[in-house]
Structures are given as C-alpha cells and as structure tokens.
Amino acid sequence: LLFKAFLLAYLGPVTYIDQHAKLEAGGLVEQAGAWLLRPDAAT
C-alpha cells in the first residue's frame, strides 16, 4: 500500500492513471497488475 502511494505521489495522478490505463489494455498478467495497482481511497 505504501509502494502504491509513493508511486502515485511520485508520478502524479495524471501520469499514474495513464499508465494504469495502459496496464488495463494489456494481457492477462498486466490486467492483474492493473487490478492490484488501481488507486483506492487509502492509496
């Protein structure tokens, strides 16, 4: 959770969402990674 929060703070919300959209459009493993890295309230 801290890693996700650091990544979101470092990249910024726009870049993070853009990269997250690229992961969601990828293969099965990338979609699983996108599901894990989705920005939730705690993040």
PDB file of all heavy atoms in Angstrom:
ATOM      1  N   LEU A   1       0.827  -1.203   0.000  1.00  0.00           N
ATOM      2  CA  LEU A   1       0.000   0.000   0.000  1.00  0.00           C
ATOM      3  C   LEU A   1       0.863   1.256   0.000  1.00  0.00           C
ATOM      4  O   LEU A   1       0.594   2.213  -0.730  1.00  0.00           O
ATOM      5  CB  LEU A   1      -0.938  -0.005   1.212  1.00  0.00           C
ATOM      6  CG  LEU A   1      -1.942   1.123   1.299  1.00  0.00           C
ATOM      7  CD1 LEU A   1      -2.953   1.015   0.175  1.00  0.00           C
ATOM      8  CD2 LEU A   1      -2.637   1.091   2.640  1.00  0.00           C
ATOM      9  N   LEU A   2       1.941   1.252   0.788  1.00  0.00           N
ATOM     10  CA  LEU A   2       2.861   2.395   0.799  1.00  0.00           C
ATOM     11  C   LEU A   2       3.574   2.542  -0.543  1.00  0.00           C
ATOM     12  O   LEU A   2       3.822   3.663  -0.997  1.00  0.00           O
ATOM     13  CB  LEU A   2       3.868   2.249   1.937  1.00  0.00           C
ATOM     14  CG  LEU A   2       3.320   2.503   3.335  1.00  0.00           C
ATOM     15  CD1 LEU A   2       4.359   2.137   4.384  1.00  0.00           C
ATOM     16  CD2 LEU A   2       2.881   3.947   3.481  1.00  0.00           C
ATOM     17  N   PHE A   3       3.901   1.429  -1.188  1.00  0.00           N
ATOM     18  CA  PHE A   3       4.531   1.482  -2.505  1.00  0.00           C
ATOM     19  C   PHE A   3       3.592   2.131  -3.516  1.00  0.00           C
ATOM     20  O   PHE A   3       4.003   2.993  -4.297  1.00  0.00           O
ATOM     21  CB  PHE A   3       4.920   0.073  -2.966  1.00  0.00           C
ATOM     22  CG  PHE A   3       5.338   0.013  -4.399  1.00  0.00           C
ATOM     23  CD1 PHE A   3       6.559   0.513  -4.793  1.00  0.00           C
ATOM     24  CD2 PHE A   3       4.498  -0.541  -5.351  1.00  0.00           C
ATOM     25  CE1 PHE A   3       6.947   0.467  -6.131  1.00  0.00           C
ATOM     26  CE2 PHE A   3       4.876  -0.597  -6.684  1.00  0.00           C
ATOM     27  CZ  PHE A   3       6.102  -0.090  -7.068  1.00  0.00           C
ATOM     28  N   LYS A   4       2.318   1.719  -3.504  1.00  0.00           N
ATOM     29  CA  LYS A   4       1.347   2.317  -4.423  1.00  0.00           C
ATOM     30  C   LYS A   4       1.202   3.808  -4.159  1.00  0.00           C
ATOM     31  O   LYS A   4       1.149   4.613  -5.095  1.00  0.00           O
ATOM     32  CB  LYS A   4      -0.023   1.640  -4.261  1.00  0.00           C
ATOM     33  CG  LYS A   4      -0.126   0.302  -4.884  1.00  0.00           C
ATOM     34  CD  LYS A   4      -1.475  -0.381  -4.803  1.00  0.00           C
ATOM     35  CE  LYS A   4      -2.642   0.367  -4.279  1.00  0.00           C
ATOM     36  NZ  LYS A   4      -3.907  -0.384  -4.317  1.00  0.00           N
ATOM     37  N   ALA A   5       1.151   4.186  -2.882  1.00  0.00           N
ATOM     38  CA  ALA A   5       1.000   5.607  -2.537  1.00  0.00           C
ATOM     39  C   ALA A   5       2.227   6.399  -2.978  1.00  0.00           C
ATOM     40  O   ALA A   5       2.103   7.511  -3.508  1.00  0.00           O
ATOM     41  CB  ALA A   5       0.777   5.754  -1.037  1.00  0.00           C
ATOM     42  N   PHE A   6       3.419   5.844  -2.781  1.00  0.00           N
ATOM     43  CA  PHE A   6       4.635   6.525  -3.210  1.00  0.00           C
ATOM     44  C   PHE A   6       4.646   6.679  -4.729  1.00  0.00           C
ATOM     45  O   PHE A   6       5.007   7.739  -5.255  1.00  0.00           O
ATOM     46  CB  PHE A   6       5.872   5.759  -2.747  1.00  0.00           C
ATOM     47  CG  PHE A   6       7.149   6.307  -3.302  1.00  0.00           C
ATOM     48  CD1 PHE A   6       7.714   7.456  -2.762  1.00  0.00           C
ATOM     49  CD2 PHE A   6       7.772   5.702  -4.375  1.00  0.00           C
ATOM     50  CE1 PHE A   6       8.883   7.980  -3.281  1.00  0.00           C
ATOM     51  CE2 PHE A   6       8.935   6.221  -4.901  1.00  0.00           C
ATOM     52  CZ  PHE A   6       9.497   7.368  -4.350  1.00  0.00           C
ATOM     53  N   LEU A   7       4.253   5.636  -5.432  1.00  0.00           N
ATOM     54  CA  LEU A   7       4.221   5.683  -6.895  1.00  0.00           C
ATOM     55  C   LEU A   7       3.245   6.752  -7.383  1.00  0.00           C
ATOM     56  O   LEU A   7       3.566   7.526  -8.294  1.00  0.00           O
ATOM     57  CB  LEU A   7       3.820   4.308  -7.430  1.00  0.00           C
ATOM     58  CG  LEU A   7       4.203   3.961  -8.846  1.00  0.00           C
ATOM     59  CD1 LEU A   7       5.701   4.039  -9.037  1.00  0.00           C
ATOM     60  CD2 LEU A   7       3.710   2.567  -9.171  1.00  0.00           C
ATOM     61  N   LEU A   8       2.076   6.834  -6.761  1.00  0.00           N
ATOM     62  CA  LEU A   8       1.096   7.841  -7.138  1.00  0.00           C
ATOM     63  C   LEU A   8       1.608   9.255  -6.823  1.00  0.00           C
ATOM     64  O   LEU A   8       1.446  10.173  -7.617  1.00  0.00           O
ATOM     65  CB  LEU A   8      -0.229   7.585  -6.421  1.00  0.00           C
ATOM     66  CG  LEU A   8      -1.386   8.531  -6.729  1.00  0.00           C
ATOM     67  CD1 LEU A   8      -1.709   8.518  -8.207  1.00  0.00           C
ATOM     68  CD2 LEU A   8      -2.603   8.138  -5.917  1.00  0.00           C
ATOM     69  N   ALA A   9       2.286   9.417  -5.685  1.00  0.00           N
ATOM     70  CA  ALA A   9       2.816  10.730  -5.326  1.00  0.00           C
ATOM     71  C   ALA A   9       3.970  11.118  -6.249  1.00  0.00           C
ATOM     72  O   ALA A   9       4.119  12.290  -6.614  1.00  0.00           O
ATOM     73  CB  ALA A   9       3.285  10.731  -3.875  1.00  0.00           C
ATOM     74  N   TYR A  10       4.776  10.163  -6.652  1.00  0.00           N
ATOM     75  CA  TYR A  10       5.945  10.444  -7.491  1.00  0.00           C
ATOM     76  C   TYR A  10       5.537  10.766  -8.934  1.00  0.00           C
ATOM     77  O   TYR A  10       6.018  11.719  -9.528  1.00  0.00           O
ATOM     78  CB  TYR A  10       6.906   9.260  -7.458  1.00  0.00           C
ATOM     79  CG  TYR A  10       8.133   9.445  -8.305  1.00  0.00           C
ATOM     80  CD1 TYR A  10       9.154  10.287  -7.895  1.00  0.00           C
ATOM     81  CD2 TYR A  10       8.274   8.780  -9.521  1.00  0.00           C
ATOM     82  CE1 TYR A  10      10.286  10.475  -8.668  1.00  0.00           C
ATOM     83  CE2 TYR A  10       9.392   8.953 -10.299  1.00  0.00           C
ATOM     84  CZ  TYR A  10      10.399   9.796  -9.867  1.00  0.00           C
ATOM     85  OH  TYR A  10      11.511   9.990 -10.635  1.00  0.00           O
ATOM     86  N   LEU A  11       4.642   9.955  -9.485  1.00  0.00           N
ATOM     87  CA  LEU A  11       4.251  10.142 -10.883  1.00  0.00           C
ATOM     88  C   LEU A  11       3.217  11.250 -11.057  1.00  0.00           C
ATOM     89  O   LEU A  11       3.141  11.857 -12.129  1.00  0.00           O
ATOM     90  CB  LEU A  11       3.674   8.838 -11.451  1.00  0.00           C
ATOM     91  CG  LEU A  11       4.639   7.665 -11.594  1.00  0.00           C
ATOM     92  CD1 LEU A  11       3.883   6.434 -12.057  1.00  0.00           C
ATOM     93  CD2 LEU A  11       5.764   8.010 -12.533  1.00  0.00           C
ATOM     94  N   GLY A  12       2.407  11.454 -10.053  1.00  0.00           N
ATOM     95  CA  GLY A  12       1.295  12.393 -10.192  1.00  0.00           C
ATOM     96  C   GLY A  12       0.062  11.657 -10.663  1.00  0.00           C
ATOM     97  O   GLY A  12       0.164  10.610 -11.322  1.00  0.00           O
ATOM     98  N   PRO A  13      -1.108  12.199 -10.368  1.00  0.00           N
ATOM     99  CA  PRO A  13      -2.333  11.458 -10.697  1.00  0.00           C
ATOM    100  C   PRO A  13      -2.554  11.252 -12.189  1.00  0.00           C
ATOM    101  O   PRO A  13      -3.015  10.191 -12.611  1.00  0.00           O
ATOM    102  CB  PRO A  13      -3.454  12.305 -10.090  1.00  0.00           C
ATOM    103  CG  PRO A  13      -2.824  13.512  -9.530  1.00  0.00           C
ATOM    104  CD  PRO A  13      -1.350  13.397  -9.617  1.00  0.00           C
ATOM    105  N   VAL A  14      -2.205  12.224 -13.003  1.00  0.00           N
ATOM    106  CA  VAL A  14      -2.468  12.103 -14.447  1.00  0.00           C
ATOM    107  C   VAL A  14      -1.608  11.002 -15.056  1.00  0.00           C
ATOM    108  O   VAL A  14      -2.108  10.123 -15.782  1.00  0.00           O
ATOM    109  CB  VAL A  14      -2.217  13.461 -15.145  1.00  0.00           C
ATOM    110  CG1 VAL A  14      -2.353  13.316 -16.651  1.00  0.00           C
ATOM    111  CG2 VAL A  14      -3.155  14.517 -14.602  1.00  0.00           C
ATOM    112  N   THR A  15      -0.320  11.030 -14.777  1.00  0.00           N
ATOM    113  CA  THR A  15       0.589  10.011 -15.317  1.00  0.00           C
ATOM    114  C   THR A  15       0.252   8.634 -14.766  1.00  0.00           C
ATOM    115  O   THR A  15       0.303   7.633 -15.493  1.00  0.00           O
ATOM    116  CB  THR A  15       2.052  10.374 -14.984  1.00  0.00           C
ATOM    117  OG1 THR A  15       2.298  11.702 -15.403  1.00  0.00           O
ATOM    118  CG2 THR A  15       3.023   9.439 -15.663  1.00  0.00           C
ATOM    119  N   TYR A  16      -0.089   8.561 -13.471  1.00  0.00           N
ATOM    120  CA  TYR A  16      -0.422   7.277 -12.861  1.00  0.00           C
ATOM    121  C   TYR A  16      -1.646   6.662 -13.535  1.00  0.00           C
ATOM    122  O   TYR A  16      -1.640   5.474 -13.878  1.00  0.00           O
ATOM    123  CB  TYR A  16      -0.676   7.461 -11.361  1.00  0.00           C
ATOM    124  CG  TYR A  16      -0.824   6.162 -10.606  1.00  0.00           C
ATOM    125  CD1 TYR A  16       0.284   5.485 -10.137  1.00  0.00           C
ATOM    126  CD2 TYR A  16      -2.076   5.603 -10.365  1.00  0.00           C
ATOM    127  CE1 TYR A  16       0.164   4.298  -9.445  1.00  0.00           C
ATOM    128  CE2 TYR A  16      -2.215   4.425  -9.685  1.00  0.00           C
ATOM    129  CZ  TYR A  16      -1.088   3.771  -9.220  1.00  0.00           C
ATOM    130  OH  TYR A  16      -1.220   2.592  -8.539  1.00  0.00           O
ATOM    131  N   ILE A  17      -2.692   7.468 -13.743  1.00  0.00           N
ATOM    132  CA  ILE A  17      -3.912   6.963 -14.387  1.00  0.00           C
ATOM    133  C   ILE A  17      -3.626   6.560 -15.833  1.00  0.00           C
ATOM    134  O   ILE A  17      -4.148   5.555 -16.323  1.00  0.00           O
ATOM    135  CB  ILE A  17      -5.046   8.013 -14.315  1.00  0.00           C
ATOM    136  CG1 ILE A  17      -5.422   8.286 -12.862  1.00  0.00           C
ATOM    137  CG2 ILE A  17      -6.264   7.588 -15.116  1.00  0.00           C
ATOM    138  CD1 ILE A  17      -5.955   7.090 -12.126  1.00  0.00           C
ATOM    139  N   ASP A  18      -2.779   7.323 -16.516  1.00  0.00           N
ATOM    140  CA  ASP A  18      -2.414   6.990 -17.900  1.00  0.00           C
ATOM    141  C   ASP A  18      -1.695   5.643 -17.957  1.00  0.00           C
ATOM    142  O   ASP A  18      -2.014   4.791 -18.796  1.00  0.00           O
ATOM    143  CB  ASP A  18      -1.538   8.101 -18.480  1.00  0.00           C
ATOM    144  CG  ASP A  18      -1.193   7.856 -19.931  1.00  0.00           C
ATOM    145  OD1 ASP A  18      -2.095   7.445 -20.690  1.00  0.00           O
ATOM    146  OD2 ASP A  18      -0.011   8.065 -20.306  1.00  0.00           O
ATOM    147  N   GLN A  19      -0.732   5.444 -17.059  1.00  0.00           N
ATOM    148  CA  GLN A  19      -0.006   4.168 -17.021  1.00  0.00           C
ATOM    149  C   GLN A  19      -0.942   3.026 -16.603  1.00  0.00           C
ATOM    150  O   GLN A  19      -0.820   1.905 -17.087  1.00  0.00           O
ATOM    151  CB  GLN A  19       1.183   4.264 -16.056  1.00  0.00           C
ATOM    152  CG  GLN A  19       2.252   5.244 -16.498  1.00  0.00           C
ATOM    153  CD  GLN A  19       2.891   4.831 -17.809  1.00  0.00           C
ATOM    154  OE1 GLN A  19       3.117   3.660 -18.081  1.00  0.00           O
ATOM    155  NE2 GLN A  19       3.163   5.822 -18.650  1.00  0.00           N
ATOM    156  N   HIS A  20      -1.854   3.312 -15.699  1.00  0.00           N
ATOM    157  CA  HIS A  20      -2.812   2.304 -15.258  1.00  0.00           C
ATOM    158  C   HIS A  20      -3.718   1.877 -16.412  1.00  0.00           C
ATOM    159  O   HIS A  20      -4.033   0.686 -16.564  1.00  0.00           O
ATOM    160  CB  HIS A  20      -3.644   2.859 -14.094  1.00  0.00           C
ATOM    161  CG  HIS A  20      -4.502   1.843 -13.441  1.00  0.00           C
ATOM    162  ND1 HIS A  20      -5.809   1.661 -13.803  1.00  0.00           N
ATOM    163  CD2 HIS A  20      -4.238   0.933 -12.481  1.00  0.00           C
ATOM    164  CE1 HIS A  20      -6.326   0.692 -13.079  1.00  0.00           C
ATOM    165  NE2 HIS A  20      -5.392   0.228 -12.260  1.00  0.00           N
ATOM    166  N   ALA A  21      -4.119   2.839 -17.254  1.00  0.00           N
ATOM    167  CA  ALA A  21      -4.948   2.512 -18.418  1.00  0.00           C
ATOM    168  C   ALA A  21      -4.186   1.631 -19.399  1.00  0.00           C
ATOM    169  O   ALA A  21      -4.762   0.718 -20.006  1.00  0.00           O
ATOM    170  CB  ALA A  21      -5.416   3.794 -19.108  1.00  0.00           C
ATOM    171  N   LYS A  22      -2.880   1.888 -19.556  1.00  0.00           N
ATOM    172  CA  LYS A  22      -2.065   1.041 -20.438  1.00  0.00           C
ATOM    173  C   LYS A  22      -1.992  -0.387 -19.901  1.00  0.00           C
ATOM    174  O   LYS A  22      -2.017  -1.352 -20.671  1.00  0.00           O
ATOM    175  CB  LYS A  22      -0.656   1.619 -20.575  1.00  0.00           C
ATOM    176  CG  LYS A  22      -0.586   2.874 -21.406  1.00  0.00           C
ATOM    177  CD  LYS A  22       0.831   3.393 -21.478  1.00  0.00           C
ATOM    178  CE  LYS A  22       0.909   4.719 -22.207  1.00  0.00           C
ATOM    179  NZ  LYS A  22       2.276   5.264 -22.207  1.00  0.00           N
ATOM    180  N   LEU A  23      -1.888  -0.518 -18.580  1.00  0.00           N
ATOM    181  CA  LEU A  23      -1.861  -1.860 -17.993  1.00  0.00           C
ATOM    182  C   LEU A  23      -3.192  -2.579 -18.196  1.00  0.00           C
ATOM    183  O   LEU A  23      -3.222  -3.777 -18.485  1.00  0.00           O
ATOM    184  CB  LEU A  23      -1.550  -1.786 -16.495  1.00  0.00           C
ATOM    185  CG  LEU A  23      -0.104  -1.617 -16.093  1.00  0.00           C
ATOM    186  CD1 LEU A  23      -0.001  -1.477 -14.582  1.00  0.00           C
ATOM    187  CD2 LEU A  23       0.734  -2.787 -16.560  1.00  0.00           C
ATOM    188  N   GLU A  24      -4.293  -1.851 -18.044  1.00  0.00           N
ATOM    189  CA  GLU A  24      -5.608  -2.475 -18.214  1.00  0.00           C
ATOM    190  C   GLU A  24      -5.833  -2.953 -19.642  1.00  0.00           C
ATOM    191  O   GLU A  24      -6.564  -3.914 -19.865  1.00  0.00           O
ATOM    192  CB  GLU A  24      -6.711  -1.492 -17.834  1.00  0.00           C
ATOM    193  CG  GLU A  24      -6.875  -1.303 -16.354  1.00  0.00           C
ATOM    194  CD  GLU A  24      -7.967  -0.321 -16.008  1.00  0.00           C
ATOM    195  OE1 GLU A  24      -8.202   0.613 -16.803  1.00  0.00           O
ATOM    196  OE2 GLU A  24      -8.577  -0.500 -14.943  1.00  0.00           O
ATOM    197  N   ALA A  25      -5.190  -2.309 -20.605  1.00  0.00           N
ATOM    198  CA  ALA A  25      -5.351  -2.691 -22.003  1.00  0.00           C
ATOM    199  C   ALA A  25      -4.437  -3.847 -22.397  1.00  0.00           C
ATOM    200  O   ALA A  25      -4.559  -4.377 -23.499  1.00  0.00           O
ATOM    201  CB  ALA A  25      -5.066  -1.490 -22.905  1.00  0.00           C
ATOM    202  N   GLY A  26      -3.550  -4.257 -21.514  1.00  0.00           N
ATOM    203  CA  GLY A  26      -2.578  -5.295 -21.836  1.00  0.00           C
ATOM    204  C   GLY A  26      -3.139  -6.696 -21.689  1.00  0.00           C
ATOM    205  O   GLY A  26      -4.355  -6.920 -21.663  1.00  0.00           O
ATOM    206  N   GLY A  27      -2.219  -7.631 -21.572  1.00  0.00           N
ATOM    207  CA  GLY A  27      -2.581  -9.040 -21.454  1.00  0.00           C
ATOM    208  C   GLY A  27      -3.124  -9.375 -20.079  1.00  0.00           C
ATOM    209  O   GLY A  27      -3.384  -8.500 -19.242  1.00  0.00           O
ATOM    210  N   LEU A  28      -3.257 -10.663 -19.816  1.00  0.00           N
ATOM    211  CA  LEU A  28      -3.856 -11.131 -18.575  1.00  0.00           C
ATOM    212  C   LEU A  28      -3.009 -10.746 -17.356  1.00  0.00           C
ATOM    213  O   LEU A  28      -3.548 -10.298 -16.340  1.00  0.00           O
ATOM    214  CB  LEU A  28      -4.042 -12.650 -18.637  1.00  0.00           C
ATOM    215  CG  LEU A  28      -4.792 -13.275 -17.474  1.00  0.00           C
ATOM    216  CD1 LEU A  28      -6.227 -12.756 -17.455  1.00  0.00           C
ATOM    217  CD2 LEU A  28      -4.770 -14.775 -17.590  1.00  0.00           C
ATOM    218  N   VAL A  29      -1.708 -10.902 -17.459  1.00  0.00           N
ATOM    219  CA  VAL A  29      -0.820 -10.567 -16.342  1.00  0.00           C
ATOM    220  C   VAL A  29      -0.835  -9.067 -16.082  1.00  0.00           C
ATOM    221  O   VAL A  29      -0.884  -8.617 -14.928  1.00  0.00           O
ATOM    222  CB  VAL A  29       0.620 -11.068 -16.617  1.00  0.00           C
ATOM    223  CG1 VAL A  29       1.571 -10.611 -15.536  1.00  0.00           C
ATOM    224  CG2 VAL A  29       0.637 -12.577 -16.744  1.00  0.00           C
ATOM    225  N   GLU A  30      -0.842  -8.277 -17.163  1.00  0.00           N
ATOM    226  CA  GLU A  30      -0.882  -6.826 -16.995  1.00  0.00           C
ATOM    227  C   GLU A  30      -2.216  -6.378 -16.415  1.00  0.00           C
ATOM    228  O   GLU A  30      -2.270  -5.448 -15.605  1.00  0.00           O
ATOM    229  CB  GLU A  30      -0.612  -6.137 -18.333  1.00  0.00           C
ATOM    230  CG  GLU A  30       0.843  -6.282 -18.751  1.00  0.00           C
ATOM    231  CD  GLU A  30       0.999  -6.382 -20.250  1.00  0.00           C
ATOM    232  OE1 GLU A  30      -0.010  -6.708 -20.915  1.00  0.00           O
ATOM    233  OE2 GLU A  30       2.092  -6.142 -20.733  1.00  0.00           O
ATOM    234  N   GLN A  31      -3.280  -7.042 -16.781  1.00  0.00           N
ATOM    235  CA  GLN A  31      -4.585  -6.711 -16.210  1.00  0.00           C
ATOM    236  C   GLN A  31      -4.635  -7.046 -14.723  1.00  0.00           C
ATOM    237  O   GLN A  31      -5.234  -6.317 -13.934  1.00  0.00           O
ATOM    238  CB  GLN A  31      -5.700  -7.445 -16.948  1.00  0.00           C
ATOM    239  CG  GLN A  31      -5.948  -6.904 -18.342  1.00  0.00           C
ATOM    240  CD  GLN A  31      -6.981  -7.711 -19.100  1.00  0.00           C
ATOM    241  OE1 GLN A  31      -7.535  -8.675 -18.590  1.00  0.00           O
ATOM    242  NE2 GLN A  31      -7.253  -7.301 -20.335  1.00  0.00           N
ATOM    243  N   ALA A  32      -3.987  -8.141 -14.361  1.00  0.00           N
ATOM    244  CA  ALA A  32      -3.911  -8.484 -12.931  1.00  0.00           C
ATOM    245  C   ALA A  32      -3.097  -7.427 -12.181  1.00  0.00           C
ATOM    246  O   ALA A  32      -3.457  -7.024 -11.070  1.00  0.00           O
ATOM    247  CB  ALA A  32      -3.286  -9.866 -12.749  1.00  0.00           C
ATOM    248  N   GLY A  33      -2.001  -6.971 -12.784  1.00  0.00           N
ATOM    249  CA  GLY A  33      -1.218  -5.901 -12.178  1.00  0.00           C
ATOM    250  C   GLY A  33      -2.008  -4.614 -12.076  1.00  0.00           C
ATOM    251  O   GLY A  33      -1.916  -3.889 -11.076  1.00  0.00           O
ATOM    252  N   ALA A  34      -2.820  -4.313 -13.087  1.00  0.00           N
ATOM    253  CA  ALA A  34      -3.665  -3.117 -13.050  1.00  0.00           C
ATOM    254  C   ALA A  34      -4.699  -3.230 -11.937  1.00  0.00           C
ATOM    255  O   ALA A  34      -4.986  -2.247 -11.253  1.00  0.00           O
ATOM    256  CB  ALA A  34      -4.354  -2.919 -14.394  1.00  0.00           C
ATOM    257  N   TRP A  35      -5.230  -4.432 -11.749  1.00  0.00           N
ATOM    258  CA  TRP A  35      -6.211  -4.622 -10.677  1.00  0.00           C
ATOM    259  C   TRP A  35      -5.564  -4.388  -9.311  1.00  0.00           C
ATOM    260  O   TRP A  35      -6.166  -3.773  -8.432  1.00  0.00           O
ATOM    261  CB  TRP A  35      -6.803  -6.026 -10.765  1.00  0.00           C
ATOM    262  CG  TRP A  35      -7.886  -6.253  -9.763  1.00  0.00           C
ATOM    263  CD1 TRP A  35      -9.181  -5.865  -9.855  1.00  0.00           C
ATOM    264  CD2 TRP A  35      -7.748  -6.914  -8.514  1.00  0.00           C
ATOM    265  NE1 TRP A  35      -9.862  -6.242  -8.737  1.00  0.00           N
ATOM    266  CE2 TRP A  35      -9.010  -6.890  -7.885  1.00  0.00           C
ATOM    267  CE3 TRP A  35      -6.689  -7.528  -7.852  1.00  0.00           C
ATOM    268  CZ2 TRP A  35      -9.235  -7.455  -6.635  1.00  0.00           C
ATOM    269  CZ3 TRP A  35      -6.900  -8.082  -6.605  1.00  0.00           C
ATOM    270  CH2 TRP A  35      -8.178  -8.053  -6.011  1.00  0.00           C
ATOM    271  N   LEU A  36      -4.333  -4.879  -9.136  1.00  0.00           N
ATOM    272  CA  LEU A  36      -3.628  -4.684  -7.861  1.00  0.00           C
ATOM    273  C   LEU A  36      -3.231  -3.222  -7.651  1.00  0.00           C
ATOM    274  O   LEU A  36      -3.232  -2.732  -6.522  1.00  0.00           O
ATOM    275  CB  LEU A  36      -2.378  -5.562  -7.809  1.00  0.00           C
ATOM    276  CG  LEU A  36      -2.602  -7.054  -7.630  1.00  0.00           C
ATOM    277  CD1 LEU A  36      -1.288  -7.808  -7.784  1.00  0.00           C
ATOM    278  CD2 LEU A  36      -3.225  -7.337  -6.274  1.00  0.00           C
ATOM    279  N   LEU A  37      -2.882  -2.527  -8.728  1.00  0.00           N
ATOM    280  CA  LEU A  37      -2.366  -1.166  -8.620  1.00  0.00           C
ATOM    281  C   LEU A  37      -3.438  -0.092  -8.783  1.00  0.00           C
ATOM    282  O   LEU A  37      -3.104   1.095  -8.841  1.00  0.00           O
ATOM    283  CB  LEU A  37      -1.250  -0.951  -9.646  1.00  0.00           C
ATOM    284  CG  LEU A  37       0.031  -1.715  -9.379  1.00  0.00           C
ATOM    285  CD1 LEU A  37       0.983  -1.581 -10.551  1.00  0.00           C
ATOM    286  CD2 LEU A  37       0.693  -1.236  -8.105  1.00  0.00           C
ATOM    287  N   ARG A  38      -4.701  -0.480  -8.854  1.00  0.00           N
ATOM    288  CA  ARG A  38      -5.737   0.538  -9.018  1.00  0.00           C
ATOM    289  C   ARG A  38      -5.727   1.473  -7.794  1.00  0.00           C
ATOM    290  O   ARG A  38      -5.530   1.035  -6.671  1.00  0.00           O
ATOM    291  CB  ARG A  38      -7.096  -0.108  -9.219  1.00  0.00           C
ATOM    292  CG  ARG A  38      -7.653  -0.798  -8.017  1.00  0.00           C
ATOM    293  CD  ARG A  38      -8.941  -1.527  -8.367  1.00  0.00           C
ATOM    294  NE  ARG A  38      -9.558  -2.073  -7.188  1.00  0.00           N
ATOM    295  CZ  ARG A  38      -9.205  -3.212  -6.608  1.00  0.00           C
ATOM    296  NH1 ARG A  38      -8.235  -3.925  -7.126  1.00  0.00           N
ATOM    297  NH2 ARG A  38      -9.821  -3.626  -5.529  1.00  0.00           N
ATOM    298  N   PRO A  39      -5.938   2.760  -8.035  1.00  0.00           N
ATOM    299  CA  PRO A  39      -5.881   3.717  -6.918  1.00  0.00           C
ATOM    300  C   PRO A  39      -7.150   3.646  -6.064  1.00  0.00           C
ATOM    301  O   PRO A  39      -8.236   3.987  -6.517  1.00  0.00           O
ATOM    302  CB  PRO A  39      -5.763   5.077  -7.622  1.00  0.00           C
ATOM    303  CG  PRO A  39      -6.298   4.857  -8.979  1.00  0.00           C
ATOM    304  CD  PRO A  39      -6.085   3.418  -9.319  1.00  0.00           C
ATOM    305  N   ASP A  40      -6.989   3.176  -4.843  1.00  0.00           N
ATOM    306  CA  ASP A  40      -8.119   3.135  -3.924  1.00  0.00           C
ATOM    307  C   ASP A  40      -8.043   4.332  -2.969  1.00  0.00           C
ATOM    308  O   ASP A  40      -7.135   5.165  -3.070  1.00  0.00           O
ATOM    309  CB  ASP A  40      -8.155   1.813  -3.159  1.00  0.00           C
ATOM    310  CG  ASP A  40      -6.826   1.481  -2.516  1.00  0.00           C
ATOM    311  OD1 ASP A  40      -5.923   2.323  -2.565  1.00  0.00           O
ATOM    312  OD2 ASP A  40      -6.698   0.374  -1.955  1.00  0.00           O
ATOM    313  N   ALA A  41      -8.992   4.433  -2.064  1.00  0.00           N
ATOM    314  CA  ALA A  41      -9.071   5.598  -1.172  1.00  0.00           C
ATOM    315  C   ALA A  41      -7.838   5.705  -0.270  1.00  0.00           C
ATOM    316  O   ALA A  41      -7.304   6.805  -0.056  1.00  0.00           O
ATOM    317  CB  ALA A  41     -10.335   5.517  -0.332  1.00  0.00           C
ATOM    318  N   ALA A  42      -7.377   4.577   0.254  1.00  0.00           N
ATOM    319  CA  ALA A  42      -6.207   4.605   1.142  1.00  0.00           C
ATOM    320  C   ALA A  42      -4.957   5.036   0.377  1.00  0.00           C
ATOM    321  O   ALA A  42      -4.125   5.798   0.899  1.00  0.00           O
ATOM    322  CB  ALA A  42      -5.998   3.237   1.778  1.00  0.00           C
ATOM    323  N   THR A  43      -4.810   4.579  -0.851  1.00  0.00           N
ATOM    324  CA  THR A  43      -3.652   4.950  -1.660  1.00  0.00           C
ATOM    325  C   THR A  43      -3.656   6.437  -1.965  1.00  0.00           C
ATOM    326  O   THR A  43      -2.627   7.108  -1.862  1.00  0.00           O
ATOM    327  CB  THR A  43      -3.649   4.150  -2.979  1.00  0.00           C
ATOM    328  OG1 THR A  43      -3.679   2.761  -2.679  1.00  0.00           O
ATOM    329  CG2 THR A  43      -2.414   4.449  -3.795  1.00  0.00           C
TER     330      THR A  43
END
